[in-house]
Amino acid sequence: MQELSCTWVPGTLNVVRVRLRPGRSAQTVTTTIELTSTRLARIFGPQALNDLYLKGRVTVQADPQQVALLT
């Protein structure tokens, strides 16, 4: 599992910035991806999007299959 931090891209209504934090793997840099809120909900479910709307940010645990869908 990998921890992802999601926030809104300033000045947009539907673009989300996702930061993949380095875990216990060999990856040492933080990767940043931007995707639409619709795609985020399809990958992580509606609860992730609800938390994003309410709090402005959300942290989710992603399995390798979900991380692969981001790229």
PDB file of N, CA and C in Angstrom:
ATOM      1  N   MET A   1       0.836  -1.177   0.000  1.00  0.00           N
ATOM      2  CA  MET A   1       0.000   0.000   0.000  1.00  0.00           C
ATOM      3  C   MET A   1       0.885   1.245   0.000  1.00  0.00           C
ATOM      4  N   GLN A   2       0.414   2.244  -0.712  1.00  0.00           N
ATOM      5  CA  GLN A   2       1.139   3.498  -0.806  1.00  0.00           C
ATOM      6  C   GLN A   2       0.205   4.639  -0.404  1.00  0.00           C
ATOM      7  N   GLU A   3       0.726   5.596   0.319  1.00  0.00           N
ATOM      8  CA  GLU A   3      -0.081   6.719   0.779  1.00  0.00           C
ATOM      9  C   GLU A   3      -0.074   7.836  -0.262  1.00  0.00           C
ATOM     10  N   LEU A   4      -1.272   8.312  -0.606  1.00  0.00           N
ATOM     11  CA  LEU A   4      -1.423   9.392  -1.574  1.00  0.00           C
ATOM     12  C   LEU A   4      -2.088  10.575  -0.902  1.00  0.00           C
ATOM     13  N   SER A   5      -1.603  11.765  -1.191  1.00  0.00           N
ATOM     14  CA  SER A   5      -2.186  12.993  -0.665  1.00  0.00           C
ATOM     15  C   SER A   5      -2.825  13.738  -1.831  1.00  0.00           C
ATOM     16  N   CYS A   6      -4.113  14.058  -1.715  1.00  0.00           N
ATOM     17  CA  CYS A   6      -4.860  14.698  -2.799  1.00  0.00           C
ATOM     18  C   CYS A   6      -5.352  16.069  -2.356  1.00  0.00           C
ATOM     19  N   THR A   7      -5.158  17.075  -3.221  1.00  0.00           N
ATOM     20  CA  THR A   7      -5.653  18.424  -2.983  1.00  0.00           C
ATOM     21  C   THR A   7      -6.159  18.986  -4.306  1.00  0.00           C
ATOM     22  N   TRP A   8      -6.973  20.032  -4.217  1.00  0.00           N
ATOM     23  CA  TRP A   8      -7.448  20.704  -5.423  1.00  0.00           C
ATOM     24  C   TRP A   8      -6.323  21.529  -6.026  1.00  0.00           C
ATOM     25  N   VAL A   9      -6.288  21.632  -7.354  1.00  0.00           N
ATOM     26  CA  VAL A   9      -5.370  22.539  -8.030  1.00  0.00           C
ATOM     27  C   VAL A   9      -5.995  23.928  -7.944  1.00  0.00           C
ATOM     28  N   PRO A  10      -5.279  24.904  -7.405  1.00  0.00           N
ATOM     29  CA  PRO A  10      -5.851  26.250  -7.255  1.00  0.00           C
ATOM     30  C   PRO A  10      -6.334  26.819  -8.596  1.00  0.00           C
ATOM     31  N   GLY A  11      -7.492  27.465  -8.564  1.00  0.00           N
ATOM     32  CA  GLY A  11      -8.046  28.091  -9.757  1.00  0.00           C
ATOM     33  C   GLY A  11      -8.817  27.156 -10.662  1.00  0.00           C
ATOM     34  N   THR A  12      -9.023  25.916 -10.232  1.00  0.00           N
ATOM     35  CA  THR A  12      -9.783  24.955 -11.032  1.00  0.00           C
ATOM     36  C   THR A  12     -10.979  24.456 -10.236  1.00  0.00           C
ATOM     37  N   LEU A  13     -11.930  23.895 -10.948  1.00  0.00           N
ATOM     38  CA  LEU A  13     -13.116  23.344 -10.295  1.00  0.00           C
ATOM     39  C   LEU A  13     -13.123  21.823 -10.267  1.00  0.00           C
ATOM     40  N   ASN A  14     -12.305  21.188 -11.114  1.00  0.00           N
ATOM     41  CA  ASN A  14     -12.381  19.730 -11.193  1.00  0.00           C
ATOM     42  C   ASN A  14     -11.023  19.045 -11.368  1.00  0.00           C
ATOM     43  N   VAL A  15      -9.929  19.743 -11.113  1.00  0.00           N
ATOM     44  CA  VAL A  15      -8.607  19.138 -11.265  1.00  0.00           C
ATOM     45  C   VAL A  15      -8.005  18.914  -9.883  1.00  0.00           C
ATOM     46  N   VAL A  16      -7.514  17.692  -9.682  1.00  0.00           N
ATOM     47  CA  VAL A  16      -6.963  17.283  -8.396  1.00  0.00           C
ATOM     48  C   VAL A  16      -5.480  16.995  -8.557  1.00  0.00           C
ATOM     49  N   ARG A  17      -4.688  17.450  -7.598  1.00  0.00           N
ATOM     50  CA  ARG A  17      -3.255  17.158  -7.577  1.00  0.00           C
ATOM     51  C   ARG A  17      -3.042  16.001  -6.606  1.00  0.00           C
ATOM     52  N   VAL A  18      -2.411  14.944  -7.087  1.00  0.00           N
ATOM     53  CA  VAL A  18      -2.154  13.753  -6.276  1.00  0.00           C
ATOM     54  C   VAL A  18      -0.651  13.619  -6.078  1.00  0.00           C
ATOM     55  N   ARG A  19      -0.230  13.533  -4.826  1.00  0.00           N
ATOM     56  CA  ARG A  19       1.188  13.355  -4.509  1.00  0.00           C
ATOM     57  C   ARG A  19       1.395  11.939  -3.989  1.00  0.00           C
ATOM     58  N   LEU A  20       2.276  11.220  -4.655  1.00  0.00           N
ATOM     59  CA  LEU A  20       2.632   9.875  -4.229  1.00  0.00           C
ATOM     60  C   LEU A  20       3.853   9.990  -3.337  1.00  0.00           C
ATOM     61  N   ARG A  21       3.664   9.703  -2.076  1.00  0.00           N
ATOM     62  CA  ARG A  21       4.762   9.797  -1.124  1.00  0.00           C
ATOM     63  C   ARG A  21       5.619   8.546  -1.200  1.00  0.00           C
ATOM     64  N   PRO A  22       6.915   8.716  -1.057  1.00  0.00           N
ATOM     65  CA  PRO A  22       7.772   7.527  -1.082  1.00  0.00           C
ATOM     66  C   PRO A  22       7.473   6.629   0.118  1.00  0.00           C
ATOM     67  N   GLY A  23       7.411   5.369  -0.154  1.00  0.00           N
ATOM     68  CA  GLY A  23       7.136   4.407   0.911  1.00  0.00           C
ATOM     69  C   GLY A  23       8.384   3.654   1.271  1.00  0.00           C
ATOM     70  N   ARG A  24       8.214   2.408   1.530  1.00  0.00           N
ATOM     71  CA  ARG A  24       9.354   1.571   1.902  1.00  0.00           C
ATOM     72  C   ARG A  24      10.098   1.051   0.687  1.00  0.00           C
ATOM     73  N   SER A  25       9.633   1.409  -0.493  1.00  0.00           N
ATOM     74  CA  SER A  25      10.294   0.944  -1.712  1.00  0.00           C
ATOM     75  C   SER A  25      11.528   1.795  -1.978  1.00  0.00           C
ATOM     76  N   ALA A  26      12.158   1.579  -3.109  1.00  0.00           N
ATOM     77  CA  ALA A  26      13.369   2.307  -3.474  1.00  0.00           C
ATOM     78  C   ALA A  26      13.069   3.732  -3.938  1.00  0.00           C
ATOM     79  N   GLN A  27      11.799   4.051  -4.162  1.00  0.00           N
ATOM     80  CA  GLN A  27      11.438   5.379  -4.629  1.00  0.00           C
ATOM     81  C   GLN A  27      11.735   6.403  -3.534  1.00  0.00           C
ATOM     82  N   THR A  28      12.508   7.449  -3.869  1.00  0.00           N
ATOM     83  CA  THR A  28      12.898   8.422  -2.863  1.00  0.00           C
ATOM     84  C   THR A  28      12.371   9.820  -3.154  1.00  0.00           C
ATOM     85  N   VAL A  29      11.773  10.042  -4.307  1.00  0.00           N
ATOM     86  CA  VAL A  29      11.230  11.358  -4.633  1.00  0.00           C
ATOM     87  C   VAL A  29       9.713  11.294  -4.647  1.00  0.00           C
ATOM     88  N   THR A  30       9.088  12.427  -4.322  1.00  0.00           N
ATOM     89  CA  THR A  30       7.642  12.514  -4.356  1.00  0.00           C
ATOM     90  C   THR A  30       7.201  12.768  -5.785  1.00  0.00           C
ATOM     91  N   THR A  31       6.269  11.970  -6.278  1.00  0.00           N
ATOM     92  CA  THR A  31       5.731  12.127  -7.619  1.00  0.00           C
ATOM     93  C   THR A  31       4.404  12.862  -7.535  1.00  0.00           C
ATOM     94  N   THR A  32       4.197  13.835  -8.428  1.00  0.00           N
ATOM     95  CA  THR A  32       2.952  14.598  -8.450  1.00  0.00           C
ATOM     96  C   THR A  32       2.243  14.364  -9.771  1.00  0.00           C
ATOM     97  N   ILE A  33       0.952  14.053  -9.689  1.00  0.00           N
ATOM     98  CA  ILE A  33       0.119  13.792 -10.867  1.00  0.00           C
ATOM     99  C   ILE A  33      -1.127  14.663 -10.750  1.00  0.00           C
ATOM    100  N   GLU A  34      -1.595  15.194 -11.868  1.00  0.00           N
ATOM    101  CA  GLU A  34      -2.856  15.934 -11.875  1.00  0.00           C
ATOM    102  C   GLU A  34      -3.873  15.165 -12.704  1.00  0.00           C
ATOM    103  N   LEU A  35      -5.083  15.014 -12.167  1.00  0.00           N
ATOM    104  CA  LEU A  35      -6.145  14.311 -12.860  1.00  0.00           C
ATOM    105  C   LEU A  35      -7.480  14.939 -12.498  1.00  0.00           C
ATOM    106  N   THR A  36      -8.518  14.570 -13.234  1.00  0.00           N
ATOM    107  CA  THR A  36      -9.840  15.136 -12.967  1.00  0.00           C
ATOM    108  C   THR A  36     -10.450  14.476 -11.733  1.00  0.00           C
ATOM    109  N   SER A  37     -11.382  15.185 -11.121  1.00  0.00           N
ATOM    110  CA  SER A  37     -12.057  14.648  -9.947  1.00  0.00           C
ATOM    111  C   SER A  37     -12.884  13.412 -10.309  1.00  0.00           C
ATOM    112  N   THR A  38     -13.404  13.358 -11.521  1.00  0.00           N
ATOM    113  CA  THR A  38     -14.172  12.192 -11.963  1.00  0.00           C
ATOM    114  C   THR A  38     -13.292  10.950 -11.992  1.00  0.00           C
ATOM    115  N   ARG A  39     -12.090  11.105 -12.520  1.00  0.00           N
ATOM    116  CA  ARG A  39     -11.169   9.958 -12.590  1.00  0.00           C
ATOM    117  C   ARG A  39     -10.745   9.524 -11.187  1.00  0.00           C
ATOM    118  N   LEU A  40     -10.529  10.490 -10.295  1.00  0.00           N
ATOM    119  CA  LEU A  40     -10.184  10.162  -8.914  1.00  0.00           C
ATOM    120  C   LEU A  40     -11.280   9.324  -8.267  1.00  0.00           C
ATOM    121  N   ALA A  41     -12.540   9.718  -8.466  1.00  0.00           N
ATOM    122  CA  ALA A  41     -13.666   8.981  -7.888  1.00  0.00           C
ATOM    123  C   ALA A  41     -13.776   7.582  -8.486  1.00  0.00           C
ATOM    124  N   ARG A  42     -13.478   7.432  -9.759  1.00  0.00           N
ATOM    125  CA  ARG A  42     -13.538   6.100 -10.385  1.00  0.00           C
ATOM    126  C   ARG A  42     -12.471   5.169  -9.841  1.00  0.00           C
ATOM    127  N   ILE A  43     -11.315   5.711  -9.506  1.00  0.00           N
ATOM    128  CA  ILE A  43     -10.218   4.877  -9.016  1.00  0.00           C
ATOM    129  C   ILE A  43     -10.356   4.579  -7.525  1.00  0.00           C
ATOM    130  N   PHE A  44     -10.691   5.598  -6.712  1.00  0.00           N
ATOM    131  CA  PHE A  44     -10.684   5.439  -5.255  1.00  0.00           C
ATOM    132  C   PHE A  44     -12.063   5.420  -4.616  1.00  0.00           C
ATOM    133  N   GLY A  45     -13.101   5.596  -5.406  1.00  0.00           N
ATOM    134  CA  GLY A  45     -14.452   5.549  -4.873  1.00  0.00           C
ATOM    135  C   GLY A  45     -14.965   6.922  -4.478  1.00  0.00           C
ATOM    136  N   PRO A  46     -16.270   7.026  -4.309  1.00  0.00           N
ATOM    137  CA  PRO A  46     -16.883   8.324  -4.027  1.00  0.00           C
ATOM    138  C   PRO A  46     -16.509   8.912  -2.664  1.00  0.00           C
ATOM    139  N   GLN A  47     -16.134   8.091  -1.709  1.00  0.00           N
ATOM    140  CA  GLN A  47     -15.786   8.615  -0.386  1.00  0.00           C
ATOM    141  C   GLN A  47     -14.565   9.521  -0.445  1.00  0.00           C
ATOM    142  N   ALA A  48     -13.593   9.180  -1.284  1.00  0.00           N
ATOM    143  CA  ALA A  48     -12.407  10.030  -1.430  1.00  0.00           C
ATOM    144  C   ALA A  48     -12.795  11.403  -1.953  1.00  0.00           C
ATOM    145  N   LEU A  49     -13.710  11.441  -2.903  1.00  0.00           N
ATOM    146  CA  LEU A  49     -14.151  12.715  -3.468  1.00  0.00           C
ATOM    147  C   LEU A  49     -14.985  13.499  -2.463  1.00  0.00           C
ATOM    148  N   ASN A  50     -15.820  12.822  -1.681  1.00  0.00           N
ATOM    149  CA  ASN A  50     -16.608  13.504  -0.651  1.00  0.00           C
ATOM    150  C   ASN A  50     -15.700  14.182   0.364  1.00  0.00           C
ATOM    151  N   ASP A  51     -14.676  13.475   0.831  1.00  0.00           N
ATOM    152  CA  ASP A  51     -13.740  14.056   1.791  1.00  0.00           C
ATOM    153  C   ASP A  51     -12.991  15.233   1.170  1.00  0.00           C
ATOM    154  N   LEU A  52     -12.669  15.126  -0.106  1.00  0.00           N
ATOM    155  CA  LEU A  52     -11.967  16.207  -0.792  1.00  0.00           C
ATOM    156  C   LEU A  52     -12.843  17.457  -0.856  1.00  0.00           C
ATOM    157  N   TYR A  53     -14.122  17.290  -1.176  1.00  0.00           N
ATOM    158  CA  TYR A  53     -15.045  18.431  -1.207  1.00  0.00           C
ATOM    159  C   TYR A  53     -15.209  19.061   0.168  1.00  0.00           C
ATOM    160  N   LEU A  54     -15.319  18.240   1.207  1.00  0.00           N
ATOM    161  CA  LEU A  54     -15.586  18.753   2.546  1.00  0.00           C
ATOM    162  C   LEU A  54     -14.361  19.370   3.212  1.00  0.00           C
ATOM    163  N   LYS A  55     -13.206  18.758   3.021  1.00  0.00           N
ATOM    164  CA  LYS A  55     -12.002  19.198   3.725  1.00  0.00           C
ATOM    165  C   LYS A  55     -10.991  19.918   2.839  1.00  0.00           C
ATOM    166  N   GLY A  56     -11.098  19.736   1.539  1.00  0.00           N
ATOM    167  CA  GLY A  56     -10.135  20.353   0.630  1.00  0.00           C
ATOM    168  C   GLY A  56      -8.900  19.522   0.391  1.00  0.00           C
ATOM    169  N   ARG A  57      -8.778  18.445   1.143  1.00  0.00           N
ATOM    170  CA  ARG A  57      -7.663  17.512   0.958  1.00  0.00           C
ATOM    171  C   ARG A  57      -8.066  16.158   1.506  1.00  0.00           C
ATOM    172  N   VAL A  58      -7.424  15.128   0.995  1.00  0.00           N
ATOM    173  CA  VAL A  58      -7.702  13.781   1.480  1.00  0.00           C
ATOM    174  C   VAL A  58      -6.432  12.945   1.331  1.00  0.00           C
ATOM    175  N   THR A  59      -6.235  12.022   2.249  1.00  0.00           N
ATOM    176  CA  THR A  59      -5.131  11.070   2.164  1.00  0.00           C
ATOM    177  C   THR A  59      -5.739   9.685   2.026  1.00  0.00           C
ATOM    178  N   VAL A  60      -5.301   8.961   1.005  1.00  0.00           N
ATOM    179  CA  VAL A  60      -5.836   7.629   0.754  1.00  0.00           C
ATOM    180  C   VAL A  60      -4.699   6.627   0.683  1.00  0.00           C
ATOM    181  N   GLN A  61      -5.025   5.384   1.008  1.00  0.00           N
ATOM    182  CA  GLN A  61      -4.088   4.279   0.847  1.00  0.00           C
ATOM    183  C   GLN A  61      -4.396   3.595  -0.478  1.00  0.00           C
ATOM    184  N   ALA A  62      -3.401   3.459  -1.326  1.00  0.00           N
ATOM    185  CA  ALA A  62      -3.610   2.886  -2.654  1.00  0.00           C
ATOM    186  C   ALA A  62      -2.814   1.607  -2.812  1.00  0.00           C
ATOM    187  N   ASP A  63      -3.452   0.615  -3.407  1.00  0.00           N
ATOM    188  CA  ASP A  63      -2.731  -0.616  -3.715  1.00  0.00           C
ATOM    189  C   ASP A  63      -2.003  -0.421  -5.057  1.00  0.00           C
ATOM    190  N   PRO A  64      -1.107  -1.324  -5.421  1.00  0.00           N
ATOM    191  CA  PRO A  64      -0.338  -1.156  -6.666  1.00  0.00           C
ATOM    192  C   PRO A  64      -1.207  -1.033  -7.920  1.00  0.00           C
ATOM    193  N   GLN A  65      -2.346  -1.697  -7.939  1.00  0.00           N
ATOM    194  CA  GLN A  65      -3.239  -1.617  -9.097  1.00  0.00           C
ATOM    195  C   GLN A  65      -3.804  -0.203  -9.235  1.00  0.00           C
ATOM    196  N   GLN A  66      -4.196   0.414  -8.136  1.00  0.00           N
ATOM    197  CA  GLN A  66      -4.716   1.785  -8.181  1.00  0.00           C
ATOM    198  C   GLN A  66      -3.641   2.772  -8.589  1.00  0.00           C
ATOM    199  N   VAL A  67      -2.419   2.578  -8.083  1.00  0.00           N
ATOM    200  CA  VAL A  67      -1.315   3.457  -8.469  1.00  0.00           C
ATOM    201  C   VAL A  67      -1.046   3.344  -9.960  1.00  0.00           C
ATOM    202  N   ALA A  68      -1.129   2.140 -10.503  1.00  0.00           N
ATOM    203  CA  ALA A  68      -0.928   1.945 -11.945  1.00  0.00           C
ATOM    204  C   ALA A  68      -1.986   2.668 -12.759  1.00  0.00           C
ATOM    205  N   LEU A  69      -3.203   2.757 -12.248  1.00  0.00           N
ATOM    206  CA  LEU A  69      -4.289   3.455 -12.963  1.00  0.00           C
ATOM    207  C   LEU A  69      -4.066   4.966 -13.007  1.00  0.00           C
ATOM    208  N   LEU A  70      -3.261   5.501 -12.128  1.00  0.00           N
ATOM    209  CA  LEU A  70      -2.993   6.929 -12.088  1.00  0.00           C
ATOM    210  C   LEU A  70      -2.102   7.390 -13.234  1.00  0.00           C
ATOM    211  N   THR A  71      -1.234   6.508 -13.698  1.00  0.00           N
ATOM    212  CA  THR A  71      -0.269   6.911 -14.730  1.00  0.00           C
ATOM    213  C   THR A  71      -0.751   6.612 -16.118  1.00  0.00           C
TER     214      THR A  71
END
